[in-house]
Protein backbone atom coordinates (compact mmCIF):
# COMPACT_ATOMS: atom_id res chain seq x y z
CA MET A 1 112.36 163.73 41.80
CA THR A 2 115.49 163.93 44.33
CA GLU A 3 118.09 161.13 42.69
CA ARG A 4 118.22 157.92 44.27
CA LEU A 5 121.98 157.38 46.40
CA ARG A 6 122.76 153.83 46.42
CA TRP A 7 122.72 153.35 50.39
CA GLY A 8 124.92 150.98 52.16
CA ILE A 9 124.27 149.07 55.69
CA LEU A 10 127.43 149.18 58.34
CA ALA A 11 126.22 146.51 61.08
CA THR A 12 123.56 144.43 60.65
CA GLY A 13 122.22 144.27 64.32
CA GLY A 14 118.55 145.35 65.46
CA ILE A 15 118.39 148.97 64.50
CA SER A 16 120.25 148.52 61.09
CA HIS A 17 117.33 145.87 60.47
CA LEU A 18 114.31 148.42 61.27
CA PHE A 19 116.39 150.72 58.97
CA THR A 20 116.91 148.64 56.09
CA SER A 21 112.64 147.19 56.45
CA ASP A 22 112.12 150.75 56.33
CA LEU A 23 114.19 151.84 53.24
CA LYS A 24 113.35 148.79 51.12
CA ALA A 25 109.52 149.21 51.93
CA ASN A 26 109.63 153.03 50.60
CA GLY A 27 111.48 152.66 47.66
CA PHE A 28 115.27 153.25 48.76
CA ASP A 29 118.33 151.54 46.35
CA VAL A 30 119.57 149.54 49.27
CA ARG A 31 123.31 148.57 47.80
CA ALA A 32 125.77 146.93 50.16
CA VAL A 33 125.87 144.99 53.93
CA GLY A 34 128.86 145.30 55.49
CA SER A 35 129.22 143.09 58.91
CA ARG A 36 132.08 141.90 61.29
CA SER A 37 132.01 138.70 59.27
CA GLN A 38 131.27 137.35 56.07
CA ALA A 39 128.23 134.92 57.23
CA GLY A 40 126.32 137.87 59.31
CA ALA A 41 127.01 139.74 55.99
CA ASP A 42 125.08 137.33 54.00
CA ALA A 43 122.26 136.58 55.96
CA PHE A 44 121.58 139.94 56.23
CA ALA A 45 122.12 140.67 52.76
CA ALA A 46 119.74 137.48 52.10
CA GLU A 47 117.33 138.99 54.54
CA PHE A 48 116.37 142.04 52.20
CA ASP A 49 117.75 141.31 49.06
CA ILE A 50 120.96 143.04 48.81
CA PRO A 51 123.41 142.69 45.90
CA ASN A 52 126.87 143.19 47.78
CA ALA A 53 127.76 141.97 51.20
CA HIS A 54 131.16 142.68 52.43
CA PRO A 55 133.28 140.79 55.34
CA SER A 56 134.15 144.24 57.41
CA TYR A 57 133.49 148.19 57.27
CA GLU A 58 136.39 148.93 55.40
CA ALA A 59 134.85 146.96 52.45
CA LEU A 60 131.95 148.48 52.81
CA ALA A 61 133.20 151.48 52.92
CA CYS A 62 135.36 151.14 49.72
CA ASP A 63 132.29 149.68 47.38
CA PRO A 64 132.21 151.90 44.30
CA GLU A 65 128.67 151.45 44.06
CA VAL A 66 128.07 153.04 47.48
CA ASP A 67 127.33 156.60 47.73
CA ALA A 68 126.22 156.20 51.53
CA ILE A 69 126.49 155.07 54.67
CA TYR A 70 124.14 154.66 57.69
CA ILE A 71 125.87 153.74 60.88
CA GLY A 72 124.18 151.22 63.18
CA THR A 73 126.50 150.14 65.72
CA PRO A 74 126.68 150.56 69.66
CA HIS A 75 127.61 154.69 70.03
CA PRO A 76 131.06 154.47 71.24
CA MET A 77 132.11 152.60 68.13
CA HIS A 78 130.22 155.87 65.86
CA VAL A 79 133.39 157.94 65.65
CA ALA A 80 135.74 155.33 63.99
CA ASN A 81 133.00 154.41 62.12
CA ALA A 82 132.04 157.55 60.54
CA ARG A 83 135.84 158.34 60.36
CA LEU A 84 136.26 155.33 58.07
CA ALA A 85 132.65 156.25 55.43
CA LEU A 86 133.92 160.09 55.73
CA GLU A 87 137.32 159.18 54.57
CA ALA A 88 136.42 156.43 51.94
CA GLY A 89 134.01 159.34 50.22
CA LYS A 90 130.63 158.39 51.31
CA HIS A 91 128.02 160.40 52.66
CA VAL A 92 126.94 159.00 56.46
CA LEU A 93 124.20 159.09 58.34
CA VAL A 94 124.72 158.46 62.09
CA GLU A 95 122.65 156.67 64.35
CA LYS A 96 121.78 158.86 67.67
CA PRO A 97 123.56 159.82 69.83
CA PHE A 98 125.80 161.44 67.32
CA THR A 99 129.11 160.21 69.30
CA LEU A 100 129.70 158.98 72.58
CA ASN A 101 130.91 162.69 73.53
CA ALA A 102 130.93 166.26 72.64
CA ALA A 103 134.83 166.39 71.69
CA GLU A 104 134.19 163.09 69.36
CA ALA A 105 131.25 165.24 67.85
CA ARG A 106 133.28 168.24 67.19
CA GLU A 107 135.78 165.49 65.08
CA ILE A 108 133.79 163.93 62.72
CA ALA A 109 132.37 167.10 61.97
CA GLU A 110 135.68 169.41 60.90
CA LEU A 111 136.45 165.72 58.85
CA ALA A 112 133.25 166.01 57.56
CA ALA A 113 133.24 169.49 56.68
CA SER A 114 137.11 169.06 54.98
CA GLU A 115 135.90 166.45 52.90
CA GLY A 116 133.19 168.30 51.59
CA LEU A 117 130.19 165.41 52.68
CA LEU A 118 127.17 165.18 54.49
CA LEU A 119 126.93 163.90 58.07
CA LEU A 120 123.83 163.43 60.03
CA GLU A 121 122.43 162.30 63.06
CA ALA A 122 120.12 159.81 62.77
CA MET A 123 117.47 161.35 65.01
CA TRP A 124 114.86 160.21 62.95
CA THR A 125 112.20 161.71 65.26
CA ARG A 126 112.64 164.94 63.90
CA TYR A 127 111.36 164.09 60.41
CA LEU A 128 108.21 162.45 61.21
CA PRO A 129 105.11 163.90 60.01
CA HIS A 130 103.30 164.09 63.69
CA MET A 131 106.52 166.21 64.27
CA VAL A 132 106.37 168.38 61.44
CA ARG A 133 102.80 169.38 62.08
CA ILE A 134 103.95 170.09 65.19
CA ARG A 135 106.41 172.62 64.57
CA GLU A 136 104.05 174.16 61.84
CA ILE A 137 100.84 174.69 64.57
CA ILE A 138 103.75 176.26 67.18
CA ALA A 139 105.03 178.41 64.05
CA ALA A 140 101.25 179.74 62.94
CA GLY A 141 101.33 180.51 66.63
CA THR A 142 98.08 178.50 67.77
CA LEU A 143 99.45 177.79 71.09
CA GLY A 144 100.65 181.05 72.13
CA GLU A 145 103.70 181.73 73.53
CA VAL A 146 105.07 178.18 74.74
CA ARG A 147 106.32 177.89 77.51
CA SER A 148 106.86 174.25 78.37
CA LEU A 149 107.56 170.90 77.73
CA ILE A 150 107.07 167.42 79.53
CA ALA A 151 108.24 163.99 77.88
CA ASP A 152 109.65 160.82 79.04
CA HIS A 153 110.99 157.84 77.61
CA THR A 154 110.54 154.77 80.22
CA GLN A 155 111.24 151.08 78.94
CA LYS A 156 111.73 148.37 81.25
CA LEU A 157 114.87 146.83 79.42
CA THR A 158 116.45 143.53 80.58
CA ASP A 159 118.88 143.63 83.85
CA ASP A 160 121.60 141.36 81.68
CA PRO A 161 124.92 143.33 82.53
CA ALA A 162 125.99 142.13 79.83
CA HIS A 163 123.34 144.04 77.35
CA ARG A 164 124.49 146.96 75.45
CA ILE A 165 121.69 148.66 77.68
CA ASN A 166 123.59 148.20 81.21
CA ALA A 167 127.27 147.95 79.73
CA LEU A 168 129.53 150.76 80.48
CA GLU A 169 132.36 149.89 77.66
CA LEU A 170 129.27 150.13 74.78
CA GLY A 171 127.78 153.65 76.10
CA GLY A 172 125.19 151.85 78.40
CA GLY A 173 122.95 153.57 79.84
CA ALA A 174 119.40 155.66 80.04
CA LEU A 175 120.85 159.00 79.24
CA LEU A 176 122.56 158.06 75.96
CA ASP A 177 119.81 155.89 74.33
CA LEU A 178 117.19 157.00 75.74
CA GLY A 179 116.94 160.19 76.91
CA ILE A 180 118.59 161.54 74.07
CA TYR A 181 114.86 161.77 72.53
CA PRO A 182 113.69 164.40 75.16
CA VAL A 183 117.15 166.11 75.06
CA SER A 184 116.62 166.73 71.47
CA PHE A 185 113.03 167.57 71.58
CA ALA A 186 113.93 170.32 73.80
CA TRP A 187 116.42 171.33 71.60
CA ASP A 188 114.15 171.13 68.48
CA LEU A 189 111.49 173.66 70.36
CA PHE A 190 113.66 175.89 72.44
CA GLY A 191 117.58 175.95 71.48
CA ALA A 192 120.23 175.39 74.03
CA PRO A 193 119.39 175.78 77.82
CA SER A 194 120.50 178.60 79.79
CA THR A 195 120.91 176.06 82.89
CA ILE A 196 120.42 172.43 83.56
CA GLN A 197 119.66 170.35 86.41
CA SER A 198 120.02 166.43 86.42
CA THR A 199 119.39 163.35 88.96
CA ALA A 200 119.95 160.22 88.40
CA THR A 201 119.94 156.40 89.82
CA PHE A 202 122.24 153.64 88.62
CA LYS A 203 122.73 149.82 88.02
CA PRO A 204 125.38 147.64 89.86
CA THR A 205 127.14 148.19 86.54
CA GLY A 206 127.64 151.67 86.55
CA ALA A 207 125.40 152.76 83.92
CA ASP A 208 122.43 154.88 84.41
CA ALA A 209 119.29 153.42 85.22
CA GLN A 210 116.77 156.70 85.89
CA VAL A 211 117.57 160.20 84.57
CA ALA A 212 115.52 163.09 85.36
CA VAL A 213 116.28 166.57 83.42
CA VAL A 214 115.31 169.86 83.98
CA PHE A 215 116.28 172.51 81.54
CA GLY A 216 115.88 176.27 82.27
CA TYR A 217 115.92 178.95 79.49
CA ASP A 218 116.19 182.84 78.95
CA GLY A 219 111.96 184.24 79.54
CA GLY A 220 111.57 181.49 82.35
CA ARG A 221 110.87 178.40 79.18
CA ILE A 222 111.00 174.96 80.91
CA ALA A 223 111.61 171.99 79.48
CA THR A 224 111.74 168.33 82.03
CA SER A 225 112.23 165.13 81.33
CA VAL A 226 112.49 161.44 82.90
CA SER A 227 114.68 158.69 80.76
CA ALA A 228 114.54 155.07 82.68
CA SER A 229 115.79 151.69 81.61
CA ASP A 230 114.39 149.80 84.35
CA LEU A 231 110.83 151.20 84.23
CA LYS A 232 108.13 151.23 81.62
CA GLY A 233 106.06 154.28 81.69
CA PRO A 234 103.80 156.28 79.27
CA ASN A 235 105.90 157.50 77.02
CA VAL A 236 104.21 160.34 76.60
CA ALA A 237 104.99 164.24 75.53
CA THR A 238 102.92 167.53 76.13
CA VAL A 239 104.27 170.72 74.45
CA LEU A 240 102.30 173.70 76.78
CA GLY A 241 101.43 177.00 75.20
CA SER A 242 99.74 179.96 76.95
CA ASP A 243 96.08 179.14 75.00
CA ALA A 244 96.59 175.94 74.28
CA ARG A 245 98.75 172.57 74.37
CA ILE A 246 99.46 169.41 72.03
CA ASP A 247 99.02 166.25 73.98
CA ILE A 248 101.18 163.98 72.05
CA ASP A 249 100.56 160.06 72.40
CA SER A 250 102.41 156.89 72.79
CA VAL A 251 104.86 156.29 71.79
CA TRP A 252 105.60 160.00 71.24
CA TYR A 253 108.33 159.62 69.40
CA THR A 254 107.66 157.52 67.22
CA PRO A 255 104.65 157.92 64.41
CA THR A 256 101.44 158.59 66.45
CA SER A 257 98.25 160.62 67.08
CA PHE A 258 98.12 164.07 69.21
CA ARG A 259 95.02 166.37 69.81
CA VAL A 260 95.95 170.25 70.44
CA VAL A 261 93.82 171.53 73.10
CA ASP A 262 92.62 175.03 73.81
CA HIS A 263 93.00 176.62 77.76
CA HIS A 264 88.86 175.50 77.95
CA GLY A 265 89.91 171.84 77.34
CA ASP A 266 87.94 172.34 73.58
CA VAL A 267 90.22 169.63 70.92
CA LEU A 268 91.24 172.53 68.42
CA GLU A 269 92.93 169.37 65.99
CA THR A 270 93.57 166.02 66.20
CA TYR A 271 95.82 164.72 64.09
CA GLU A 272 96.52 160.67 63.48
CA SER A 273 100.09 158.93 61.38
CA GLU A 274 99.41 156.73 58.65
CA VAL A 275 103.78 156.35 57.64
CA VAL A 276 104.26 152.56 56.02
CA GLY A 277 106.86 150.45 58.92
CA ARG A 278 108.00 152.55 61.53
CA GLY A 279 109.12 155.40 59.76
CA MET A 280 112.75 155.83 59.75
CA HIS A 281 112.70 156.00 55.76
CA PHE A 282 111.76 159.87 56.29
CA GLN A 283 115.60 161.03 57.45
CA ALA A 284 117.04 158.74 54.43
CA GLU A 285 115.15 161.08 52.22
CA ALA A 286 115.97 164.09 54.20
CA VAL A 287 119.87 163.05 53.31
CA GLU A 288 118.90 162.30 49.59
CA ARG A 289 117.44 165.73 49.85
CA LEU A 290 120.03 167.42 51.31
CA VAL A 291 122.80 166.06 49.06
CA ALA A 292 120.87 166.70 46.14
CA GLU A 293 120.78 170.48 47.08
CA GLY A 294 124.20 170.88 48.07
CA ASN A 295 123.03 171.71 51.79
CA LEU A 296 126.24 169.57 53.72
CA THR A 297 125.37 171.05 57.16
CA GLY A 298 121.48 169.84 57.64
CA ASP A 299 118.18 172.01 58.15
CA LEU A 300 116.07 170.40 60.55
CA LEU A 301 118.25 169.02 62.50
CA THR A 302 121.95 171.01 61.95
CA LEU A 303 125.53 169.60 62.27
CA ASP A 304 126.18 172.21 64.79
CA GLU A 305 122.87 171.30 66.64
CA SER A 306 124.26 167.99 66.94
CA VAL A 307 127.56 169.19 67.99
CA ALA A 308 125.62 171.34 70.46
CA ILE A 309 123.39 168.45 71.89
CA MET A 310 126.77 166.41 72.79
CA GLY A 311 127.43 169.07 75.22
CA THR A 312 124.26 169.09 76.57
CA LEU A 313 124.48 165.54 77.70
CA ASP A 314 127.89 165.96 78.51
CA ALA A 315 126.69 168.67 80.99
CA ILE A 316 124.34 165.95 82.23
CA ARG A 317 126.80 163.11 82.71
CA GLU A 318 129.07 165.32 84.68
CA GLN A 319 126.19 166.12 87.33
CA ILE A 320 125.44 162.59 87.97
CA GLY A 321 128.95 161.23 87.65
CA LEU A 322 128.55 159.38 84.77
CA ARG A 323 132.29 158.60 82.62
CA TYR A 324 132.51 155.77 80.35
CA PRO A 325 135.69 153.81 80.03
CA GLY A 326 138.17 155.97 78.10
CA GLU A 327 137.52 159.06 78.85
């Protein structure tokens, strides 16, 4: 069995609550939390029975009882937070999207390599059991030639201009927060797109509200996605092959069910997820396994791929005219 790492949680917002809840429910060693205030750290530590509560991210990074740090801040802060943790000698799992842009992604990737540490993007969907099974089905040739992906990630979120999803200074918008899921799924299936076509609508704050993307690939394969922060859709996905398809139920990027259906309409396989919690702990299992193996580049999601995905997101943003402050 892989030796447990001692985890530190950097930031105490909603995503950190979800991640830490899954870690605690699945037997991980959560040793410390860092917040911007002692009160915030104490409250989080009390909620999850964490022994060490730090009033700053710097103090968390310096904690000698921490081996790996999860970064749960908004994405414009990821590069600075990851740099802090890596320079302190910690392995890092940084919430998706990896950074704000590809330049920042390359910076921390190079730092991790120079420090001999693992840096992994927390694209937790990659590690969920139903996604593992989907890759097995595709590899077995059940679908025939896989030719297309259709996926949406559409939510009816707040219109409050100060909320993170609507604030450009916090990296707000549908693409980086929601669109990263179908974009990463397309990369998982097909790799780097050879062509990108994008269009978007915007909120009064300048944040993107809806983004539609079509990726083209050599051999005629296509991936299409729609992401939105102001509309609630089905949040399903379909992988289409020459012999069969996979229909992934809502919500496709969380633990869910799917069916493999051939071109006659016959169901070849039905899969139901059985996961304790939300399933965010599987990415932490990957971190611990990779560290134990001495694999600092990743496997299901490599560091190079995370950097390249940020380049794809940069290209989409250039097409739709979306820039963030300071870029």
